[in-house]
């Protein structure tokens, strides 16, 4: 039985439709992602799955149950990492885990037994007696994840888990999520970072304006909707003639506000040809295609605008 099964799922707020008839299935042990820009409907979908926002239309089953009538039973088996770290900042790090465990009916002794390994998992054992307010942003995020695991959930929901973190803290958090993934915990996350989705997700849906525009593994989506490499050309001033002079070099050309993208099989060879034609960009970059390019192909705009 899938842990999550949604059919024609809809979420409306008055006249505004945040989630517009999406179908989603998440199997046990998967790492599944909702990828899209802010306002795509990712968080609204997650709140329905987390039983904190009622379904406006369609059907939704989480852990085989209906959120409309089984919300408390579902929430008891979920771990939730919201966008904001709603930690008890005046309590110590270990106390946050102990108090949260009591919300799930754990005895003090059982909560304490589970807290030790979770602090070790989050690399916070040395901070067990520190007040939460003193932690860095990355430490607080790791503590939030550790706290969400205190009830040993069947399903862990993560809403924009690394937003606002510096690159080092992001990679540190990814390592913790990799550990969970290897241990068999089912992860469902939202993100607008394409590198995060590629790193963490076995499978994902790309959302835009409340709808799913593509679904599959990161590798399959890139193979289906983008070329092997991308040549980026940046110019000090916009030049309309450039596109016409390079269009034959690429499978596809995208013109953005600050650069021209050439979707090619061999970026270095394409760059040599561009230079041989007397075209001299202010800066160039050859890179592999990413989910950002998939989104651009499907919607005509960037993931982060």
C-alpha atoms as a PDB file:
ATOM      1  CA  UNK A   1       0.000   0.000   0.000  1.00  0.00           C
ATOM      2  CA  UNK A   2       1.370   3.455  -0.902  1.00  0.00           C
ATOM      3  CA  UNK A   3       2.065   5.700   2.084  1.00  0.00           C
ATOM      4  CA  UNK A   4       0.546   8.638   0.192  1.00  0.00           C
ATOM      5  CA  UNK A   5      -2.054   8.433  -2.552  1.00  0.00           C
ATOM      6  CA  UNK A   6      -3.714  11.563  -3.935  1.00  0.00           C
ATOM      7  CA  UNK A   7      -6.123  11.702  -6.857  1.00  0.00           C
ATOM      8  CA  UNK A   8      -7.270  14.989  -8.402  1.00  0.00           C
ATOM      9  CA  UNK A   9      -6.225  16.728  -5.174  1.00  0.00           C
ATOM     10  CA  UNK A  10      -7.396  20.345  -4.905  1.00  0.00           C
ATOM     11  CA  UNK A  11      -6.772  23.114  -2.389  1.00  0.00           C
ATOM     12  CA  UNK A  12      -8.554  26.446  -2.685  1.00  0.00           C
ATOM     13  CA  UNK A  13      -8.516  29.627  -0.641  1.00  0.00           C
ATOM     14  CA  UNK A  14     -11.616  31.551  -1.632  1.00  0.00           C
ATOM     15  CA  UNK A  15     -11.356  32.160  -5.378  1.00  0.00           C
ATOM     16  CA  UNK A  16      -7.664  31.207  -5.468  1.00  0.00           C
ATOM     17  CA  UNK A  17      -6.662  27.654  -6.367  1.00  0.00           C
ATOM     18  CA  UNK A  18      -3.330  26.751  -4.775  1.00  0.00           C
ATOM     19  CA  UNK A  19      -3.354  23.055  -5.765  1.00  0.00           C
ATOM     20  CA  UNK A  20      -5.191  22.284  -8.980  1.00  0.00           C
ATOM     21  CA  UNK A  21      -6.062  18.607  -9.387  1.00  0.00           C
ATOM     22  CA  UNK A  22      -2.762  16.794  -8.818  1.00  0.00           C
ATOM     23  CA  UNK A  23      -2.157  13.025  -8.681  1.00  0.00           C
ATOM     24  CA  UNK A  24       0.628  11.826  -6.367  1.00  0.00           C
ATOM     25  CA  UNK A  25       1.712   8.383  -5.158  1.00  0.00           C
ATOM     26  CA  UNK A  26       4.538   7.830  -2.672  1.00  0.00           C
ATOM     27  CA  UNK A  27       5.730   4.318  -1.867  1.00  0.00           C
ATOM     28  CA  UNK A  28       7.350   3.187   1.385  1.00  0.00           C
ATOM     29  CA  UNK A  29      11.103   3.820   1.479  1.00  0.00           C
ATOM     30  CA  UNK A  30      11.026   6.442  -1.266  1.00  0.00           C
ATOM     31  CA  UNK A  31      12.535   9.894  -1.147  1.00  0.00           C
ATOM     32  CA  UNK A  32       9.939  11.946  -3.011  1.00  0.00           C
ATOM     33  CA  UNK A  33      10.054  15.633  -3.857  1.00  0.00           C
ATOM     34  CA  UNK A  34       7.805  18.511  -4.840  1.00  0.00           C
ATOM     35  CA  UNK A  35       9.973  20.864  -6.924  1.00  0.00           C
ATOM     36  CA  UNK A  36       8.829  24.310  -7.972  1.00  0.00           C
ATOM     37  CA  UNK A  37       9.126  28.048  -7.353  1.00  0.00           C
ATOM     38  CA  UNK A  38       7.523  29.873  -4.455  1.00  0.00           C
ATOM     39  CA  UNK A  39       3.758  29.916  -4.951  1.00  0.00           C
ATOM     40  CA  UNK A  40       3.681  26.705  -7.003  1.00  0.00           C
ATOM     41  CA  UNK A  41       1.451  24.926  -4.480  1.00  0.00           C
ATOM     42  CA  UNK A  42       4.102  22.738  -2.844  1.00  0.00           C
ATOM     43  CA  UNK A  43       3.498  23.829   0.741  1.00  0.00           C
ATOM     44  CA  UNK A  44      -0.286  23.687   0.339  1.00  0.00           C
ATOM     45  CA  UNK A  45       0.034  20.088  -0.852  1.00  0.00           C
ATOM     46  CA  UNK A  46       2.290  19.232   2.081  1.00  0.00           C
ATOM     47  CA  UNK A  47      -0.106  20.739   4.610  1.00  0.00           C
ATOM     48  CA  UNK A  48      -2.910  18.571   3.306  1.00  0.00           C
ATOM     49  CA  UNK A  49      -0.671  15.503   3.510  1.00  0.00           C
ATOM     50  CA  UNK A  50       0.335  16.530   7.034  1.00  0.00           C
ATOM     51  CA  UNK A  51      -3.340  16.814   8.052  1.00  0.00           C
ATOM     52  CA  UNK A  52      -3.036  20.480   9.042  1.00  0.00           C
ATOM     53  CA  UNK A  53      -5.102  21.822   6.135  1.00  0.00           C
ATOM     54  CA  UNK A  54      -8.370  20.271   4.899  1.00  0.00           C
ATOM     55  CA  UNK A  55      -8.708  18.941   1.371  1.00  0.00           C
ATOM     56  CA  UNK A  56     -10.874  21.117  -0.885  1.00  0.00           C
ATOM     57  CA  UNK A  57     -11.444  18.483  -3.539  1.00  0.00           C
ATOM     58  CA  UNK A  58     -10.333  15.086  -4.785  1.00  0.00           C
ATOM     59  CA  UNK A  59      -9.209  12.195  -2.597  1.00  0.00           C
ATOM     60  CA  UNK A  60      -6.214  11.796  -0.300  1.00  0.00           C
ATOM     61  CA  UNK A  61      -5.033   8.805   1.686  1.00  0.00           C
ATOM     62  CA  UNK A  62      -2.047   9.003   4.016  1.00  0.00           C
ATOM     63  CA  UNK A  63      -0.778   5.783   5.605  1.00  0.00           C
ATOM     64  CA  UNK A  64      -3.953   4.186   4.279  1.00  0.00           C
ATOM     65  CA  UNK A  65      -6.200   6.594   6.181  1.00  0.00           C
ATOM     66  CA  UNK A  66      -8.407   9.567   5.313  1.00  0.00           C
ATOM     67  CA  UNK A  67      -7.130  12.872   6.789  1.00  0.00           C
ATOM     68  CA  UNK A  68     -10.722  14.110   7.086  1.00  0.00           C
ATOM     69  CA  UNK A  69     -11.558  11.581   9.781  1.00  0.00           C
ATOM     70  CA  UNK A  70      -8.239  10.076  10.833  1.00  0.00           C
ATOM     71  CA  UNK A  71      -6.114  13.203  11.233  1.00  0.00           C
ATOM     72  CA  UNK A  72      -4.916  12.494  14.807  1.00  0.00           C
ATOM     73  CA  UNK A  73      -3.992   8.887  13.979  1.00  0.00           C
ATOM     74  CA  UNK A  74      -2.058  10.003  10.902  1.00  0.00           C
ATOM     75  CA  UNK A  75      -0.233  12.828  12.680  1.00  0.00           C
ATOM     76  CA  UNK A  76       0.859  10.413  15.409  1.00  0.00           C
ATOM     77  CA  UNK A  77       2.857   8.511  12.768  1.00  0.00           C
ATOM     78  CA  UNK A  78       4.308  11.535  10.963  1.00  0.00           C
ATOM     79  CA  UNK A  79       7.472  13.514  11.457  1.00  0.00           C
ATOM     80  CA  UNK A  80       7.120  17.109  10.268  1.00  0.00           C
ATOM     81  CA  UNK A  81       9.903  19.605   9.576  1.00  0.00           C
ATOM     82  CA  UNK A  82       8.214  22.954   8.763  1.00  0.00           C
ATOM     83  CA  UNK A  83       9.816  25.855   6.901  1.00  0.00           C
ATOM     84  CA  UNK A  84      10.348  27.709  10.170  1.00  0.00           C
ATOM     85  CA  UNK A  85      12.182  26.165  13.117  1.00  0.00           C
ATOM     86  CA  UNK A  86       9.463  26.312  15.786  1.00  0.00           C
ATOM     87  CA  UNK A  87      11.819  25.239  18.548  1.00  0.00           C
ATOM     88  CA  UNK A  88      11.456  26.094  22.227  1.00  0.00           C
ATOM     89  CA  UNK A  89      14.339  28.549  22.170  1.00  0.00           C
ATOM     90  CA  UNK A  90      14.454  29.090  25.933  1.00  0.00           C
ATOM     91  CA  UNK A  91      14.872  25.370  26.613  1.00  0.00           C
ATOM     92  CA  UNK A  92      18.053  23.383  26.261  1.00  0.00           C
ATOM     93  CA  UNK A  93      18.695  21.248  23.197  1.00  0.00           C
ATOM     94  CA  UNK A  94      18.012  17.910  24.905  1.00  0.00           C
ATOM     95  CA  UNK A  95      14.945  19.330  26.650  1.00  0.00           C
ATOM     96  CA  UNK A  96      13.407  20.119  23.261  1.00  0.00           C
ATOM     97  CA  UNK A  97      13.464  16.429  22.393  1.00  0.00           C
ATOM     98  CA  UNK A  98      12.168  15.318  25.771  1.00  0.00           C
ATOM     99  CA  UNK A  99       9.248  17.767  25.780  1.00  0.00           C
ATOM    100  CA  UNK A 100       8.316  16.954  22.183  1.00  0.00           C
ATOM    101  CA  UNK A 101       8.392  13.241  22.951  1.00  0.00           C
ATOM    102  CA  UNK A 102       5.821  13.779  25.686  1.00  0.00           C
ATOM    103  CA  UNK A 103       3.418  15.192  23.071  1.00  0.00           C
ATOM    104  CA  UNK A 104       3.375  11.716  21.525  1.00  0.00           C
ATOM    105  CA  UNK A 105       2.667  10.016  24.836  1.00  0.00           C
ATOM    106  CA  UNK A 106       6.206   8.777  25.415  1.00  0.00           C
ATOM    107  CA  UNK A 107       7.263   8.273  29.018  1.00  0.00           C
ATOM    108  CA  UNK A 108      10.101  10.442  30.294  1.00  0.00           C
ATOM    109  CA  UNK A 109      12.370   7.405  30.339  1.00  0.00           C
ATOM    110  CA  UNK A 110      11.503   6.403  26.743  1.00  0.00           C
ATOM    111  CA  UNK A 111      11.878   9.983  25.452  1.00  0.00           C
ATOM    112  CA  UNK A 112      15.295  10.189  27.143  1.00  0.00           C
ATOM    113  CA  UNK A 113      16.307   6.821  25.645  1.00  0.00           C
ATOM    114  CA  UNK A 114      15.451   8.017  22.143  1.00  0.00           C
ATOM    115  CA  UNK A 115      16.959  11.496  22.594  1.00  0.00           C
ATOM    116  CA  UNK A 116      20.558  10.292  22.923  1.00  0.00           C
ATOM    117  CA  UNK A 117      20.843   8.590  19.507  1.00  0.00           C
ATOM    118  CA  UNK A 118      18.947  11.450  17.874  1.00  0.00           C
ATOM    119  CA  UNK A 119      21.371  14.041  19.252  1.00  0.00           C
ATOM    120  CA  UNK A 120      24.217  11.889  17.955  1.00  0.00           C
ATOM    121  CA  UNK A 121      22.525  11.620  14.553  1.00  0.00           C
ATOM    122  CA  UNK A 122      22.181  15.414  14.416  1.00  0.00           C
ATOM    123  CA  UNK A 123      25.788  15.923  15.610  1.00  0.00           C
ATOM    124  CA  UNK A 124      24.489  17.852  18.616  1.00  0.00           C
ATOM    125  CA  UNK A 125      25.556  15.642  21.510  1.00  0.00           C
ATOM    126  CA  UNK A 126      28.095  18.282  22.568  1.00  0.00           C
ATOM    127  CA  UNK A 127      25.290  20.866  22.604  1.00  0.00           C
ATOM    128  CA  UNK A 128      22.808  18.824  24.655  1.00  0.00           C
ATOM    129  CA  UNK A 129      22.889  21.282  27.581  1.00  0.00           C
ATOM    130  CA  UNK A 130      23.107  24.448  25.460  1.00  0.00           C
ATOM    131  CA  UNK A 131      20.142  26.806  25.202  1.00  0.00           C
ATOM    132  CA  UNK A 132      18.616  26.569  21.714  1.00  0.00           C
ATOM    133  CA  UNK A 133      18.845  30.324  21.192  1.00  0.00           C
ATOM    134  CA  UNK A 134      22.653  30.001  21.126  1.00  0.00           C
ATOM    135  CA  UNK A 135      22.712  27.554  18.191  1.00  0.00           C
ATOM    136  CA  UNK A 136      23.602  28.433  14.611  1.00  0.00           C
ATOM    137  CA  UNK A 137      20.969  28.234  11.884  1.00  0.00           C
ATOM    138  CA  UNK A 138      22.287  24.895  10.660  1.00  0.00           C
ATOM    139  CA  UNK A 139      22.284  23.426  14.166  1.00  0.00           C
ATOM    140  CA  UNK A 140      18.702  24.555  14.742  1.00  0.00           C
ATOM    141  CA  UNK A 141      17.668  22.922  11.484  1.00  0.00           C
ATOM    142  CA  UNK A 142      19.318  19.643  12.472  1.00  0.00           C
ATOM    143  CA  UNK A 143      17.642  19.813  15.876  1.00  0.00           C
ATOM    144  CA  UNK A 144      14.276  20.353  14.191  1.00  0.00           C
ATOM    145  CA  UNK A 145      14.813  17.179  12.146  1.00  0.00           C
ATOM    146  CA  UNK A 146      15.959  15.228  15.213  1.00  0.00           C
ATOM    147  CA  UNK A 147      12.873  16.393  17.093  1.00  0.00           C
ATOM    148  CA  UNK A 148      10.630  15.306  14.215  1.00  0.00           C
ATOM    149  CA  UNK A 149      12.061  11.776  14.563  1.00  0.00           C
ATOM    150  CA  UNK A 150      11.365  11.348  18.291  1.00  0.00           C
ATOM    151  CA  UNK A 151       8.137   9.418  17.610  1.00  0.00           C
ATOM    152  CA  UNK A 152       9.923   7.108  15.121  1.00  0.00           C
ATOM    153  CA  UNK A 153       7.627   8.207  12.268  1.00  0.00           C
ATOM    154  CA  UNK A 154       6.754   6.097   9.255  1.00  0.00           C
ATOM    155  CA  UNK A 155       6.820   9.197   7.079  1.00  0.00           C
ATOM    156  CA  UNK A 156       8.968  12.348   7.375  1.00  0.00           C
ATOM    157  CA  UNK A 157       7.681  15.554   5.733  1.00  0.00           C
ATOM    158  CA  UNK A 158      10.241  18.309   5.104  1.00  0.00           C
ATOM    159  CA  UNK A 159       9.088  21.705   3.820  1.00  0.00           C
ATOM    160  CA  UNK A 160      11.992  23.628   2.244  1.00  0.00           C
ATOM    161  CA  UNK A 161      14.488  21.955   4.620  1.00  0.00           C
ATOM    162  CA  UNK A 162      17.572  24.042   3.725  1.00  0.00           C
ATOM    163  CA  UNK A 163      16.128  27.463   2.893  1.00  0.00           C
ATOM    164  CA  UNK A 164      18.225  30.208   4.457  1.00  0.00           C
ATOM    165  CA  UNK A 165      21.220  28.005   5.219  1.00  0.00           C
ATOM    166  CA  UNK A 166      24.741  28.657   3.955  1.00  0.00           C
ATOM    167  CA  UNK A 167      26.251  26.091   1.524  1.00  0.00           C
ATOM    168  CA  UNK A 168      28.223  24.268   4.228  1.00  0.00           C
ATOM    169  CA  UNK A 169      25.171  23.920   6.469  1.00  0.00           C
ATOM    170  CA  UNK A 170      23.084  22.723   3.516  1.00  0.00           C
ATOM    171  CA  UNK A 171      25.546  19.943   2.688  1.00  0.00           C
ATOM    172  CA  UNK A 172      25.764  18.999   6.362  1.00  0.00           C
ATOM    173  CA  UNK A 173      21.990  18.640   6.471  1.00  0.00           C
ATOM    174  CA  UNK A 174      21.963  16.646   3.234  1.00  0.00           C
ATOM    175  CA  UNK A 175      24.308  14.131   4.855  1.00  0.00           C
ATOM    176  CA  UNK A 176      21.820  13.631   7.690  1.00  0.00           C
ATOM    177  CA  UNK A 177      18.967  13.139   5.233  1.00  0.00           C
ATOM    178  CA  UNK A 178      21.061  10.645   3.262  1.00  0.00           C
ATOM    179  CA  UNK A 179      21.454   8.656   6.478  1.00  0.00           C
ATOM    180  CA  UNK A 180      17.699   8.615   7.002  1.00  0.00           C
ATOM    181  CA  UNK A 181      17.123   7.598   3.404  1.00  0.00           C
ATOM    182  CA  UNK A 182      19.561   4.691   3.721  1.00  0.00           C
ATOM    183  CA  UNK A 183      17.880   3.540   6.918  1.00  0.00           C
ATOM    184  CA  UNK A 184      14.566   3.190   5.070  1.00  0.00           C
ATOM    185  CA  UNK A 185      12.736   6.293   6.312  1.00  0.00           C
ATOM    186  CA  UNK A 186      10.268   7.569   3.698  1.00  0.00           C
ATOM    187  CA  UNK A 187      11.028  11.223   2.929  1.00  0.00           C
ATOM    188  CA  UNK A 188       8.722  13.722   1.263  1.00  0.00           C
ATOM    189  CA  UNK A 189      10.191  17.178   0.739  1.00  0.00           C
ATOM    190  CA  UNK A 190       9.460  20.431  -1.002  1.00  0.00           C
ATOM    191  CA  UNK A 191      12.234  22.536  -2.463  1.00  0.00           C
ATOM    192  CA  UNK A 192      12.976  25.156  -5.084  1.00  0.00           C
ATOM    193  CA  UNK A 193      16.656  24.175  -5.190  1.00  0.00           C
ATOM    194  CA  UNK A 194      17.286  21.947  -8.185  1.00  0.00           C
ATOM    195  CA  UNK A 195      20.583  20.631  -6.796  1.00  0.00           C
ATOM    196  CA  UNK A 196      18.804  19.601  -3.596  1.00  0.00           C
ATOM    197  CA  UNK A 197      16.131  17.742  -5.548  1.00  0.00           C
ATOM    198  CA  UNK A 198      18.774  15.984  -7.653  1.00  0.00           C
ATOM    199  CA  UNK A 199      20.741  14.986  -4.557  1.00  0.00           C
ATOM    200  CA  UNK A 200      17.903  13.773  -2.356  1.00  0.00           C
ATOM    201  CA  UNK A 201      14.974  12.626  -4.490  1.00  0.00           C
ATOM    202  CA  UNK A 202      14.476   9.198  -6.016  1.00  0.00           C
ATOM    203  CA  UNK A 203      11.441  10.624  -7.777  1.00  0.00           C
ATOM    204  CA  UNK A 204       9.765  14.022  -7.927  1.00  0.00           C
ATOM    205  CA  UNK A 205       7.037  16.101  -9.462  1.00  0.00           C
ATOM    206  CA  UNK A 206       7.701  19.513 -10.965  1.00  0.00           C
ATOM    207  CA  UNK A 207       4.927  21.937  -9.990  1.00  0.00           C
ATOM    208  CA  UNK A 208       3.931  25.278 -11.444  1.00  0.00           C
ATOM    209  CA  UNK A 209       0.819  27.324 -10.671  1.00  0.00           C
ATOM    210  CA  UNK A 210      -0.719  24.498  -8.646  1.00  0.00           C
ATOM    211  CA  UNK A 211      -0.316  21.825 -11.299  1.00  0.00           C
ATOM    212  CA  UNK A 212       2.154  19.031 -12.000  1.00  0.00           C
ATOM    213  CA  UNK A 213       4.000  19.689 -15.265  1.00  0.00           C
ATOM    214  CA  UNK A 214       6.380  16.701 -15.123  1.00  0.00           C
ATOM    215  CA  UNK A 215       7.083  13.623 -13.017  1.00  0.00           C
ATOM    216  CA  UNK A 216       9.948  11.144 -12.792  1.00  0.00           C
ATOM    217  CA  UNK A 217      13.428  10.637 -11.447  1.00  0.00           C
ATOM    218  CA  UNK A 218      15.780  13.630 -11.715  1.00  0.00           C
ATOM    219  CA  UNK A 219      17.929  11.801 -14.253  1.00  0.00           C
ATOM    220  CA  UNK A 220      14.983  10.759 -16.422  1.00  0.00           C
ATOM    221  CA  UNK A 221      13.488  14.255 -16.409  1.00  0.00           C
ATOM    222  CA  UNK A 222      16.785  15.812 -17.471  1.00  0.00           C
ATOM    223  CA  UNK A 223      17.262  13.197 -20.190  1.00  0.00           C
ATOM    224  CA  UNK A 224      13.727  13.752 -21.478  1.00  0.00           C
ATOM    225  CA  UNK A 225      13.563  17.539 -21.414  1.00  0.00           C
ATOM    226  CA  UNK A 226      17.152  18.821 -21.692  1.00  0.00           C
ATOM    227  CA  UNK A 227      20.386  18.213 -23.590  1.00  0.00           C
ATOM    228  CA  UNK A 228      23.570  16.701 -22.157  1.00  0.00           C
ATOM    229  CA  UNK A 229      25.263  20.076 -21.580  1.00  0.00           C
ATOM    230  CA  UNK A 230      24.470  23.776 -21.533  1.00  0.00           C
ATOM    231  CA  UNK A 231      26.650  26.602 -22.793  1.00  0.00           C
ATOM    232  CA  UNK A 232      25.892  29.881 -21.051  1.00  0.00           C
ATOM    233  CA  UNK A 233      26.868  33.111 -22.799  1.00  0.00           C
ATOM    234  CA  UNK A 234      26.758  36.380 -20.876  1.00  0.00           C
ATOM    235  CA  UNK A 235      27.093  39.740 -22.591  1.00  0.00           C
ATOM    236  CA  UNK A 236      27.777  43.197 -21.192  1.00  0.00           C
ATOM    237  CA  UNK A 237      24.957  44.529 -23.381  1.00  0.00           C
ATOM    238  CA  UNK A 238      21.972  42.770 -24.926  1.00  0.00           C
ATOM    239  CA  UNK A 239      22.574  41.848 -28.556  1.00  0.00           C
ATOM    240  CA  UNK A 240      19.599  40.573 -30.579  1.00  0.00           C
ATOM    241  CA  UNK A 241      21.881  39.405 -33.396  1.00  0.00           C
ATOM    242  CA  UNK A 242      23.682  36.858 -31.230  1.00  0.00           C
ATOM    243  CA  UNK A 243      20.771  34.436 -31.059  1.00  0.00           C
ATOM    244  CA  UNK A 244      20.500  34.217 -34.829  1.00  0.00           C
ATOM    245  CA  UNK A 245      24.253  33.586 -35.143  1.00  0.00           C
ATOM    246  CA  UNK A 246      24.331  30.694 -32.677  1.00  0.00           C
ATOM    247  CA  UNK A 247      20.923  29.090 -33.101  1.00  0.00           C
ATOM    248  CA  UNK A 248      22.228  26.391 -35.466  1.00  0.00           C
ATOM    249  CA  UNK A 249      24.733  25.208 -32.844  1.00  0.00           C
ATOM    250  CA  UNK A 250      22.154  24.024 -30.335  1.00  0.00           C
ATOM    251  CA  UNK A 251      19.140  21.762 -30.015  1.00  0.00           C
ATOM    252  CA  UNK A 252      17.453  24.645 -28.223  1.00  0.00           C
ATOM    253  CA  UNK A 253      18.282  28.249 -27.340  1.00  0.00           C
ATOM    254  CA  UNK A 254      16.825  30.117 -24.364  1.00  0.00           C
ATOM    255  CA  UNK A 255      17.203  33.876 -23.978  1.00  0.00           C
ATOM    256  CA  UNK A 256      17.109  35.085 -20.384  1.00  0.00           C
ATOM    257  CA  UNK A 257      17.471  38.605 -19.047  1.00  0.00           C
ATOM    258  CA  UNK A 258      21.170  38.218 -18.274  1.00  0.00           C
ATOM    259  CA  UNK A 259      22.361  35.388 -20.534  1.00  0.00           C
ATOM    260  CA  UNK A 260      21.784  33.168 -23.551  1.00  0.00           C
ATOM    261  CA  UNK A 261      21.600  29.392 -22.985  1.00  0.00           C
ATOM    262  CA  UNK A 262      22.607  26.936 -25.696  1.00  0.00           C
ATOM    263  CA  UNK A 263      21.471  23.351 -25.115  1.00  0.00           C
ATOM    264  CA  UNK A 264      24.109  21.192 -26.774  1.00  0.00           C
ATOM    265  CA  UNK A 265      25.751  17.773 -26.609  1.00  0.00           C
ATOM    266  CA  UNK A 266      29.302  19.152 -26.312  1.00  0.00           C
ATOM    267  CA  UNK A 267      29.571  22.536 -24.627  1.00  0.00           C
ATOM    268  CA  UNK A 268      33.310  23.000 -25.200  1.00  0.00           C
ATOM    269  CA  UNK A 269      32.998  22.317 -28.932  1.00  0.00           C
ATOM    270  CA  UNK A 270      30.092  24.762 -29.177  1.00  0.00           C
ATOM    271  CA  UNK A 271      32.117  27.422 -27.360  1.00  0.00           C
ATOM    272  CA  UNK A 272      35.001  26.978 -29.810  1.00  0.00           C
ATOM    273  CA  UNK A 273      32.604  27.542 -32.687  1.00  0.00           C
ATOM    274  CA  UNK A 274      31.105  30.623 -31.019  1.00  0.00           C
ATOM    275  CA  UNK A 275      34.583  32.113 -30.639  1.00  0.00           C
ATOM    276  CA  UNK A 276      35.543  31.202 -34.224  1.00  0.00           C
ATOM    277  CA  UNK A 277      32.512  33.166 -35.428  1.00  0.00           C
ATOM    278  CA  UNK A 278      33.861  36.294 -33.797  1.00  0.00           C
ATOM    279  CA  UNK A 279      31.386  36.307 -30.922  1.00  0.00           C
ATOM    280  CA  UNK A 280      33.035  37.363 -27.670  1.00  0.00           C
ATOM    281  CA  UNK A 281      30.793  37.131 -24.585  1.00  0.00           C
ATOM    282  CA  UNK A 282      31.773  38.882 -21.370  1.00  0.00           C
ATOM    283  CA  UNK A 283      31.634  35.484 -19.612  1.00  0.00           C
ATOM    284  CA  UNK A 284      30.972  31.867 -20.537  1.00  0.00           C
ATOM    285  CA  UNK A 285      30.119  28.692 -18.662  1.00  0.00           C
ATOM    286  CA  UNK A 286      29.840  25.074 -19.782  1.00  0.00           C
ATOM    287  CA  UNK A 287      27.811  22.912 -17.388  1.00  0.00           C
ATOM    288  CA  UNK A 288      25.676  19.803 -17.357  1.00  0.00           C
ATOM    289  CA  UNK A 289      21.925  20.203 -17.695  1.00  0.00           C
ATOM    290  CA  UNK A 290      19.910  20.388 -14.473  1.00  0.00           C
ATOM    291  CA  UNK A 291      16.336  20.396 -13.261  1.00  0.00           C
ATOM    292  CA  UNK A 292      16.438  24.183 -13.606  1.00  0.00           C
ATOM    293  CA  UNK A 293      16.678  23.630 -17.365  1.00  0.00           C
ATOM    294  CA  UNK A 294      13.795  21.159 -17.255  1.00  0.00           C
ATOM    295  CA  UNK A 295      11.612  23.739 -15.527  1.00  0.00           C
ATOM    296  CA  UNK A 296      12.664  26.433 -17.993  1.00  0.00           C
ATOM    297  CA  UNK A 297      11.767  24.142 -20.901  1.00  0.00           C
ATOM    298  CA  UNK A 298       8.355  23.285 -19.443  1.00  0.00           C
ATOM    299  CA  UNK A 299       7.275  26.695 -18.211  1.00  0.00           C
ATOM    300  CA  UNK A 300       9.378  29.258 -20.035  1.00  0.00           C
ATOM    301  CA  UNK A 301      10.750  30.742 -16.823  1.00  0.00           C
ATOM    302  CA  UNK A 302      13.361  30.104 -14.160  1.00  0.00           C
ATOM    303  CA  UNK A 303      12.697  28.215 -10.925  1.00  0.00           C
ATOM    304  CA  UNK A 304      13.994  31.133  -8.858  1.00  0.00           C
ATOM    305  CA  UNK A 305      12.957  34.526 -10.164  1.00  0.00           C
END
